[in-house]
Amino acid sequence: MSDTGRQSFTDKAGSALKPDSQKSTTESMGDNVKGYTDSAASTLQPQGEKTNTQKMGDKFSGNSNENDQSMMGKAKDAMGLGGGERK
């Protein structure tokens, strides 16, 4: 379960697993907005206030804000689903 005010893990997974080529423009834009909002929330929330589950979720989704590609992005690249963006 994600922390209050953060994007749920199931929403993130569903968005990441659907190929970009199958998303409508509106859906793609919504995913981008949600991703940026969640990344900002990750940055603003002190590590000491995050649950262990949220810390693991941030690590997996690339919300550590260290300019490394997320594990989800690497997995999408490996499957050819177009997840090559860097955060």
PDB file of N, CA and C in Angstrom:
ATOM      1  N   MET A   1       0.847  -1.167   0.000  1.00  0.00           N
ATOM      2  CA  MET A   1       0.000   0.000   0.000  1.00  0.00           C
ATOM      3  C   MET A   1       0.900   1.241   0.000  1.00  0.00           C
ATOM      4  N   SER A   2       0.612   2.166  -0.866  1.00  0.00           N
ATOM      5  CA  SER A   2       1.413   3.394  -0.940  1.00  0.00           C
ATOM      6  C   SER A   2       0.984   4.369   0.148  1.00  0.00           C
ATOM      7  N   ASP A   3       1.885   5.295   0.443  1.00  0.00           N
ATOM      8  CA  ASP A   3       1.599   6.313   1.453  1.00  0.00           C
ATOM      9  C   ASP A   3       0.506   7.256   0.957  1.00  0.00           C
ATOM     10  N   THR A   4      -0.145   7.943   1.889  1.00  0.00           N
ATOM     11  CA  THR A   4      -1.195   8.904   1.564  1.00  0.00           C
ATOM     12  C   THR A   4      -0.642   9.987   0.637  1.00  0.00           C
ATOM     13  N   GLY A   5      -1.394  10.304  -0.401  1.00  0.00           N
ATOM     14  CA  GLY A   5      -0.989  11.334  -1.335  1.00  0.00           C
ATOM     15  C   GLY A   5      -0.078  10.853  -2.437  1.00  0.00           C
ATOM     16  N   ARG A   6       0.199   9.560  -2.484  1.00  0.00           N
ATOM     17  CA  ARG A   6       1.087   8.994  -3.493  1.00  0.00           C
ATOM     18  C   ARG A   6       0.289   8.109  -4.445  1.00  0.00           C
ATOM     19  N   GLN A   7       0.797   7.935  -5.654  1.00  0.00           N
ATOM     20  CA  GLN A   7       0.142   7.088  -6.646  1.00  0.00           C
ATOM     21  C   GLN A   7       0.207   5.639  -6.178  1.00  0.00           C
ATOM     22  N   SER A   8      -0.891   4.905  -6.333  1.00  0.00           N
ATOM     23  CA  SER A   8      -0.904   3.522  -5.858  1.00  0.00           C
ATOM     24  C   SER A   8       0.018   2.653  -6.708  1.00  0.00           C
ATOM     25  N   PHE A   9       0.524   1.599  -6.095  1.00  0.00           N
ATOM     26  CA  PHE A   9       1.435   0.704  -6.792  1.00  0.00           C
ATOM     27  C   PHE A   9       0.738  -0.025  -7.938  1.00  0.00           C
ATOM     28  N   THR A  10      -0.552  -0.336  -7.765  1.00  0.00           N
ATOM     29  CA  THR A  10      -1.270  -1.024  -8.850  1.00  0.00           C
ATOM     30  C   THR A  10      -1.462  -0.107 -10.051  1.00  0.00           C
ATOM     31  N   ASP A  11      -1.711   1.184  -9.812  1.00  0.00           N
ATOM     32  CA  ASP A  11      -1.815   2.142 -10.918  1.00  0.00           C
ATOM     33  C   ASP A  11      -0.493   2.261 -11.663  1.00  0.00           C
ATOM     34  N   LYS A  12       0.607   2.330 -10.914  1.00  0.00           N
ATOM     35  CA  LYS A  12       1.931   2.425 -11.529  1.00  0.00           C
ATOM     36  C   LYS A  12       2.214   1.196 -12.377  1.00  0.00           C
ATOM     37  N   ALA A  13       1.932   0.021 -11.818  1.00  0.00           N
ATOM     38  CA  ALA A  13       2.208  -1.222 -12.540  1.00  0.00           C
ATOM     39  C   ALA A  13       1.350  -1.324 -13.800  1.00  0.00           C
ATOM     40  N   GLY A  14       0.076  -1.006 -13.686  1.00  0.00           N
ATOM     41  CA  GLY A  14      -0.814  -1.073 -14.845  1.00  0.00           C
ATOM     42  C   GLY A  14      -0.368  -0.138 -15.949  1.00  0.00           C
ATOM     43  N   SER A  15       0.055   1.050 -15.579  1.00  0.00           N
ATOM     44  CA  SER A  15       0.532   2.030 -16.553  1.00  0.00           C
ATOM     45  C   SER A  15       1.827   1.568 -17.210  1.00  0.00           C
ATOM     46  N   ALA A  16       2.718   1.012 -16.403  1.00  0.00           N
ATOM     47  CA  ALA A  16       4.029   0.601 -16.914  1.00  0.00           C
ATOM     48  C   ALA A  16       3.946  -0.628 -17.815  1.00  0.00           C
ATOM     49  N   LEU A  17       3.003  -1.505 -17.548  1.00  0.00           N
ATOM     50  CA  LEU A  17       2.926  -2.748 -18.309  1.00  0.00           C
ATOM     51  C   LEU A  17       2.202  -2.610 -19.649  1.00  0.00           C
ATOM     52  N   LYS A  18       1.439  -1.546 -19.811  1.00  0.00           N
ATOM     53  CA  LYS A  18       0.744  -1.332 -21.081  1.00  0.00           C
ATOM     54  C   LYS A  18       1.697  -0.633 -22.051  1.00  0.00           C
ATOM     55  N   PRO A  19       1.933  -1.214 -23.225  1.00  0.00           N
ATOM     56  CA  PRO A  19       2.851  -0.585 -24.181  1.00  0.00           C
ATOM     57  C   PRO A  19       2.400   0.823 -24.561  1.00  0.00           C
ATOM     58  N   ASP A  20       3.367   1.726 -24.696  1.00  0.00           N
ATOM     59  CA  ASP A  20       3.067   3.113 -25.053  1.00  0.00           C
ATOM     60  C   ASP A  20       2.292   3.192 -26.365  1.00  0.00           C
ATOM     61  N   SER A  21       2.554   2.270 -27.284  1.00  0.00           N
ATOM     62  CA  SER A  21       1.885   2.290 -28.585  1.00  0.00           C
ATOM     63  C   SER A  21       0.389   1.984 -28.483  1.00  0.00           C
ATOM     64  N   GLN A  22      -0.048   1.410 -27.370  1.00  0.00           N
ATOM     65  CA  GLN A  22      -1.453   1.068 -27.180  1.00  0.00           C
ATOM     66  C   GLN A  22      -2.199   2.100 -26.324  1.00  0.00           C
ATOM     67  N   LYS A  23      -1.504   3.156 -25.918  1.00  0.00           N
ATOM     68  CA  LYS A  23      -2.128   4.175 -25.083  1.00  0.00           C
ATOM     69  C   LYS A  23      -2.634   5.312 -25.950  1.00  0.00           C
ATOM     70  N   SER A  24      -3.798   5.847 -25.576  1.00  0.00           N
ATOM     71  CA  SER A  24      -4.307   7.040 -26.249  1.00  0.00           C
ATOM     72  C   SER A  24      -3.457   8.230 -25.820  1.00  0.00           C
ATOM     73  N   THR A  25      -3.555   9.322 -26.547  1.00  0.00           N
ATOM     74  CA  THR A  25      -2.812  10.531 -26.192  1.00  0.00           C
ATOM     75  C   THR A  25      -3.201  11.002 -24.801  1.00  0.00           C
ATOM     76  N   THR A  26      -4.487  10.982 -24.507  1.00  0.00           N
ATOM     77  CA  THR A  26      -4.968  11.408 -23.191  1.00  0.00           C
ATOM     78  C   THR A  26      -4.415  10.508 -22.088  1.00  0.00           C
ATOM     79  N   GLU A  27      -4.427   9.213 -22.322  1.00  0.00           N
ATOM     80  CA  GLU A  27      -3.923   8.264 -21.334  1.00  0.00           C
ATOM     81  C   GLU A  27      -2.417   8.458 -21.112  1.00  0.00           C
ATOM     82  N   SER A  28      -1.688   8.666 -22.177  1.00  0.00           N
ATOM     83  CA  SER A  28      -0.247   8.885 -22.077  1.00  0.00           C
ATOM     84  C   SER A  28       0.069  10.170 -21.317  1.00  0.00           C
ATOM     85  N   MET A  29      -0.668  11.229 -21.632  1.00  0.00           N
ATOM     86  CA  MET A  29      -0.466  12.501 -20.928  1.00  0.00           C
ATOM     87  C   MET A  29      -0.813  12.364 -19.449  1.00  0.00           C
ATOM     88  N   GLY A  30      -1.882  11.646 -19.144  1.00  0.00           N
ATOM     89  CA  GLY A  30      -2.275  11.420 -17.751  1.00  0.00           C
ATOM     90  C   GLY A  30      -1.217  10.653 -16.988  1.00  0.00           C
ATOM     91  N   ASP A  31      -0.638   9.633 -17.643  1.00  0.00           N
ATOM     92  CA  ASP A  31       0.431   8.871 -17.002  1.00  0.00           C
ATOM     93  C   ASP A  31       1.626   9.759 -16.695  1.00  0.00           C
ATOM     94  N   ASN A  32       1.965  10.639 -17.639  1.00  0.00           N
ATOM     95  CA  ASN A  32       3.097  11.541 -17.429  1.00  0.00           C
ATOM     96  C   ASN A  32       2.840  12.489 -16.261  1.00  0.00           C
ATOM     97  N   VAL A  33       1.641  13.062 -16.203  1.00  0.00           N
ATOM     98  CA  VAL A  33       1.308  13.981 -15.108  1.00  0.00           C
ATOM     99  C   VAL A  33       1.360  13.249 -13.768  1.00  0.00           C
ATOM    100  N   LYS A  34       0.756  12.057 -13.717  1.00  0.00           N
ATOM    101  CA  LYS A  34       0.772  11.278 -12.468  1.00  0.00           C
ATOM    102  C   LYS A  34       2.198  10.936 -12.058  1.00  0.00           C
ATOM    103  N   GLY A  35       3.021  10.586 -13.034  1.00  0.00           N
ATOM    104  CA  GLY A  35       4.411  10.241 -12.736  1.00  0.00           C
ATOM    105  C   GLY A  35       5.190  11.420 -12.179  1.00  0.00           C
ATOM    106  N   TYR A  36       5.040  12.593 -12.813  1.00  0.00           N
ATOM    107  CA  TYR A  36       5.730  13.787 -12.322  1.00  0.00           C
ATOM    108  C   TYR A  36       5.228  14.197 -10.945  1.00  0.00           C
ATOM    109  N   THR A  37       3.919  14.095 -10.735  1.00  0.00           N
ATOM    110  CA  THR A  37       3.342  14.456  -9.441  1.00  0.00           C
ATOM    111  C   THR A  37       3.846  13.520  -8.353  1.00  0.00           C
ATOM    112  N   ASP A  38       3.879  12.222  -8.657  1.00  0.00           N
ATOM    113  CA  ASP A  38       4.348  11.252  -7.672  1.00  0.00           C
ATOM    114  C   ASP A  38       5.835  11.430  -7.389  1.00  0.00           C
ATOM    115  N   SER A  39       6.599  11.746  -8.420  1.00  0.00           N
ATOM    116  CA  SER A  39       8.032  11.986  -8.237  1.00  0.00           C
ATOM    117  C   SER A  39       8.261  13.206  -7.342  1.00  0.00           C
ATOM    118  N   ALA A  40       7.479  14.253  -7.567  1.00  0.00           N
ATOM    119  CA  ALA A  40       7.591  15.449  -6.727  1.00  0.00           C
ATOM    120  C   ALA A  40       7.218  15.123  -5.286  1.00  0.00           C
ATOM    121  N   ALA A  41       6.163  14.338  -5.102  1.00  0.00           N
ATOM    122  CA  ALA A  41       5.742  13.951  -3.746  1.00  0.00           C
ATOM    123  C   ALA A  41       6.830  13.119  -3.077  1.00  0.00           C
ATOM    124  N   SER A  42       7.499  12.269  -3.852  1.00  0.00           N
ATOM    125  CA  SER A  42       8.591  11.461  -3.312  1.00  0.00           C
ATOM    126  C   SER A  42       9.736  12.340  -2.839  1.00  0.00           C
ATOM    127  N   THR A  43      10.037  13.361  -3.630  1.00  0.00           N
ATOM    128  CA  THR A  43      11.127  14.275  -3.284  1.00  0.00           C
ATOM    129  C   THR A  43      10.795  15.088  -2.039  1.00  0.00           C
ATOM    130  N   LEU A  44       9.558  15.536  -1.935  1.00  0.00           N
ATOM    131  CA  LEU A  44       9.154  16.389  -0.823  1.00  0.00           C
ATOM    132  C   LEU A  44       8.945  15.632   0.489  1.00  0.00           C
ATOM    133  N   GLN A  45       8.622  14.353   0.393  1.00  0.00           N
ATOM    134  CA  GLN A  45       8.375  13.566   1.600  1.00  0.00           C
ATOM    135  C   GLN A  45       9.711  13.079   2.171  1.00  0.00           C
ATOM    136  N   PRO A  46      10.064  13.479   3.387  1.00  0.00           N
ATOM    137  CA  PRO A  46      11.328  13.038   3.976  1.00  0.00           C
ATOM    138  C   PRO A  46      11.397  11.515   4.085  1.00  0.00           C
ATOM    139  N   GLN A  47      12.578  10.968   3.861  1.00  0.00           N
ATOM    140  CA  GLN A  47      12.758   9.512   3.927  1.00  0.00           C
ATOM    141  C   GLN A  47      12.295   8.950   5.260  1.00  0.00           C
ATOM    142  N   GLY A  48      12.526   9.681   6.336  1.00  0.00           N
ATOM    143  CA  GLY A  48      12.158   9.209   7.663  1.00  0.00           C
ATOM    144  C   GLY A  48      10.660   9.089   7.877  1.00  0.00           C
ATOM    145  N   GLU A  49       9.868   9.751   7.029  1.00  0.00           N
ATOM    146  CA  GLU A  49       8.414   9.691   7.153  1.00  0.00           C
ATOM    147  C   GLU A  49       7.782   8.658   6.215  1.00  0.00           C
ATOM    148  N   LYS A  50       8.583   8.041   5.373  1.00  0.00           N
ATOM    149  CA  LYS A  50       8.053   7.049   4.442  1.00  0.00           C
ATOM    150  C   LYS A  50       7.986   5.681   5.109  1.00  0.00           C
ATOM    151  N   THR A  51       6.941   4.930   4.763  1.00  0.00           N
ATOM    152  CA  THR A  51       6.873   3.554   5.240  1.00  0.00           C
ATOM    153  C   THR A  51       7.918   2.738   4.480  1.00  0.00           C
ATOM    154  N   ASN A  52       8.284   1.591   5.026  1.00  0.00           N
ATOM    155  CA  ASN A  52       9.239   0.721   4.329  1.00  0.00           C
ATOM    156  C   ASN A  52       8.692   0.296   2.976  1.00  0.00           C
ATOM    157  N   THR A  53       7.389   0.079   2.904  1.00  0.00           N
ATOM    158  CA  THR A  53       6.766  -0.299   1.632  1.00  0.00           C
ATOM    159  C   THR A  53       6.921   0.812   0.611  1.00  0.00           C
ATOM    160  N   GLN A  54       6.719   2.063   1.024  1.00  0.00           N
ATOM    161  CA  GLN A  54       6.857   3.191   0.112  1.00  0.00           C
ATOM    162  C   GLN A  54       8.307   3.354  -0.337  1.00  0.00           C
ATOM    163  N   LYS A  55       9.251   3.153   0.576  1.00  0.00           N
ATOM    164  CA  LYS A  55      10.666   3.237   0.204  1.00  0.00           C
ATOM    165  C   LYS A  55      11.006   2.212  -0.874  1.00  0.00           C
ATOM    166  N   MET A  56      10.506   0.988  -0.699  1.00  0.00           N
ATOM    167  CA  MET A  56      10.758  -0.048  -1.703  1.00  0.00           C
ATOM    168  C   MET A  56      10.066   0.304  -3.020  1.00  0.00           C
ATOM    169  N   GLY A  57       8.849   0.809  -2.942  1.00  0.00           N
ATOM    170  CA  GLY A  57       8.124   1.207  -4.146  1.00  0.00           C
ATOM    171  C   GLY A  57       8.831   2.327  -4.886  1.00  0.00           C
ATOM    172  N   ASP A  58       9.370   3.292  -4.162  1.00  0.00           N
ATOM    173  CA  ASP A  58      10.116   4.390  -4.784  1.00  0.00           C
ATOM    174  C   ASP A  58      11.384   3.865  -5.461  1.00  0.00           C
ATOM    175  N   LYS A  59      12.054   2.945  -4.809  1.00  0.00           N
ATOM    176  CA  LYS A  59      13.265   2.371  -5.394  1.00  0.00           C
ATOM    177  C   LYS A  59      12.926   1.644  -6.688  1.00  0.00           C
ATOM    178  N   PHE A  60      11.858   0.856  -6.665  1.00  0.00           N
ATOM    179  CA  PHE A  60      11.467   0.073  -7.837  1.00  0.00           C
ATOM    180  C   PHE A  60      11.026   0.975  -8.985  1.00  0.00           C
ATOM    181  N   SER A  61      10.283   2.036  -8.680  1.00  0.00           N
ATOM    182  CA  SER A  61       9.744   2.890  -9.743  1.00  0.00           C
ATOM    183  C   SER A  61      10.698   4.005 -10.162  1.00  0.00           C
ATOM    184  N   GLY A  62      11.833   4.118  -9.499  1.00  0.00           N
ATOM    185  CA  GLY A  62      12.808   5.126  -9.892  1.00  0.00           C
ATOM    186  C   GLY A  62      12.590   6.471  -9.258  1.00  0.00           C
ATOM    187  N   ASN A  63      11.796   6.542  -8.212  1.00  0.00           N
ATOM    188  CA  ASN A  63      11.531   7.827  -7.559  1.00  0.00           C
ATOM    189  C   ASN A  63      12.582   8.183  -6.519  1.00  0.00           C
ATOM    190  N   SER A  64      13.784   7.659  -6.700  1.00  0.00           N
ATOM    191  CA  SER A  64      14.856   8.035  -5.784  1.00  0.00           C
ATOM    192  C   SER A  64      15.478   9.348  -6.212  1.00  0.00           C
ATOM    193  N   ASN A  65      15.106   9.847  -7.398  1.00  0.00           N
ATOM    194  CA  ASN A  65      15.541  11.148  -7.913  1.00  0.00           C
ATOM    195  C   ASN A  65      17.054  11.279  -7.984  1.00  0.00           C
ATOM    196  N   GLU A  66      17.711  10.223  -8.469  1.00  0.00           N
ATOM    197  CA  GLU A  66      19.163  10.242  -8.623  1.00  0.00           C
ATOM    198  C   GLU A  66      19.560  10.200 -10.100  1.00  0.00           C
ATOM    199  N   ASN A  67      18.621  10.513 -10.989  1.00  0.00           N
ATOM    200  CA  ASN A  67      18.850  10.531 -12.430  1.00  0.00           C
ATOM    201  C   ASN A  67      19.238   9.170 -12.997  1.00  0.00           C
ATOM    202  N   ASP A  68      18.894   8.102 -12.314  1.00  0.00           N
ATOM    203  CA  ASP A  68      19.081   6.755 -12.838  1.00  0.00           C
ATOM    204  C   ASP A  68      17.772   6.281 -13.423  1.00  0.00           C
ATOM    205  N   GLN A  69      17.868   5.464 -14.459  1.00  0.00           N
ATOM    206  CA  GLN A  69      16.647   4.912 -15.037  1.00  0.00           C
ATOM    207  C   GLN A  69      16.007   3.967 -14.024  1.00  0.00           C
ATOM    208  N   SER A  70      14.696   3.998 -13.929  1.00  0.00           N
ATOM    209  CA  SER A  70      14.000   3.154 -12.967  1.00  0.00           C
ATOM    210  C   SER A  70      14.102   1.692 -13.375  1.00  0.00           C
ATOM    211  N   MET A  71      13.896   0.826 -12.388  1.00  0.00           N
ATOM    212  CA  MET A  71      13.871  -0.609 -12.670  1.00  0.00           C
ATOM    213  C   MET A  71      12.709  -0.923 -13.610  1.00  0.00           C
ATOM    214  N   MET A  72      11.587  -0.203 -13.444  1.00  0.00           N
ATOM    215  CA  MET A  72      10.435  -0.411 -14.316  1.00  0.00           C
ATOM    216  C   MET A  72      10.793   0.001 -15.745  1.00  0.00           C
ATOM    217  N   GLY A  73      11.500   1.106 -15.901  1.00  0.00           N
ATOM    218  CA  GLY A  73      11.928   1.549 -17.224  1.00  0.00           C
ATOM    219  C   GLY A  73      12.868   0.559 -17.878  1.00  0.00           C
ATOM    220  N   LYS A  74      13.794   0.010 -17.101  1.00  0.00           N
ATOM    221  CA  LYS A  74      14.718  -1.000 -17.625  1.00  0.00           C
ATOM    222  C   LYS A  74      13.960  -2.246 -18.068  1.00  0.00           C
ATOM    223  N   ALA A  75      12.966  -2.653 -17.281  1.00  0.00           N
ATOM    224  CA  ALA A  75      12.168  -3.828 -17.641  1.00  0.00           C
ATOM    225  C   ALA A  75      11.382  -3.575 -18.927  1.00  0.00           C
ATOM    226  N   LYS A  76      10.798  -2.365 -19.063  1.00  0.00           N
ATOM    227  CA  LYS A  76      10.059  -2.033 -20.285  1.00  0.00           C
ATOM    228  C   LYS A  76      10.992  -2.038 -21.492  1.00  0.00           C
ATOM    229  N   ASP A  77      12.216  -1.519 -21.332  1.00  0.00           N
ATOM    230  CA  ASP A  77      13.196  -1.544 -22.420  1.00  0.00           C
ATOM    231  C   ASP A  77      13.507  -2.982 -22.822  1.00  0.00           C
ATOM    232  N   ALA A  78      13.714  -3.837 -21.833  1.00  0.00           N
ATOM    233  CA  ALA A  78      14.065  -5.225 -22.102  1.00  0.00           C
ATOM    234  C   ALA A  78      12.961  -5.954 -22.859  1.00  0.00           C
ATOM    235  N   MET A  79      11.709  -5.566 -22.603  1.00  0.00           N
ATOM    236  CA  MET A  79      10.582  -6.207 -23.286  1.00  0.00           C
ATOM    237  C   MET A  79      10.181  -5.458 -24.547  1.00  0.00           C
ATOM    238  N   GLY A  80      10.882  -4.358 -24.855  1.00  0.00           N
ATOM    239  CA  GLY A  80      10.575  -3.592 -26.061  1.00  0.00           C
ATOM    240  C   GLY A  80       9.296  -2.786 -25.954  1.00  0.00           C
ATOM    241  N   LEU A  81       8.944  -2.347 -24.750  1.00  0.00           N
ATOM    242  CA  LEU A  81       7.694  -1.610 -24.554  1.00  0.00           C
ATOM    243  C   LEU A  81       7.909  -0.107 -24.477  1.00  0.00           C
ATOM    244  N   GLY A  82       9.103   0.373 -24.754  1.00  0.00           N
ATOM    245  CA  GLY A  82       9.312   1.823 -24.843  1.00  0.00           C
ATOM    246  C   GLY A  82       9.424   2.539 -23.532  1.00  0.00           C
ATOM    247  N   GLY A  83      10.040   1.964 -22.530  1.00  0.00           N
ATOM    248  CA  GLY A  83      10.175   2.617 -21.238  1.00  0.00           C
ATOM    249  C   GLY A  83      11.513   3.277 -21.033  1.00  0.00           C
ATOM    250  N   GLY A  84      12.182   3.723 -22.101  1.00  0.00           N
ATOM    251  CA  GLY A  84      13.545   4.207 -22.018  1.00  0.00           C
ATOM    252  C   GLY A  84      13.740   5.589 -21.453  1.00  0.00           C
ATOM    253  N   GLU A  85      12.708   6.233 -20.928  1.00  0.00           N
ATOM    254  CA  GLU A  85      12.883   7.572 -20.372  1.00  0.00           C
ATOM    255  C   GLU A  85      13.687   7.518 -19.099  1.00  0.00           C
ATOM    256  N   ARG A  86      14.400   8.574 -18.830  1.00  0.00           N
ATOM    257  CA  ARG A  86      15.170   8.676 -17.596  1.00  0.00           C
ATOM    258  C   ARG A  86      14.504   9.704 -16.710  1.00  0.00           C
ATOM    259  N   LYS A  87      14.518   9.452 -15.423  1.00  0.00           N
ATOM    260  CA  LYS A  87      13.911  10.377 -14.473  1.00  0.00           C
ATOM    261  C   LYS A  87      14.984  11.121 -13.746  1.00  0.00           C
TER     262      LYS A  87
END
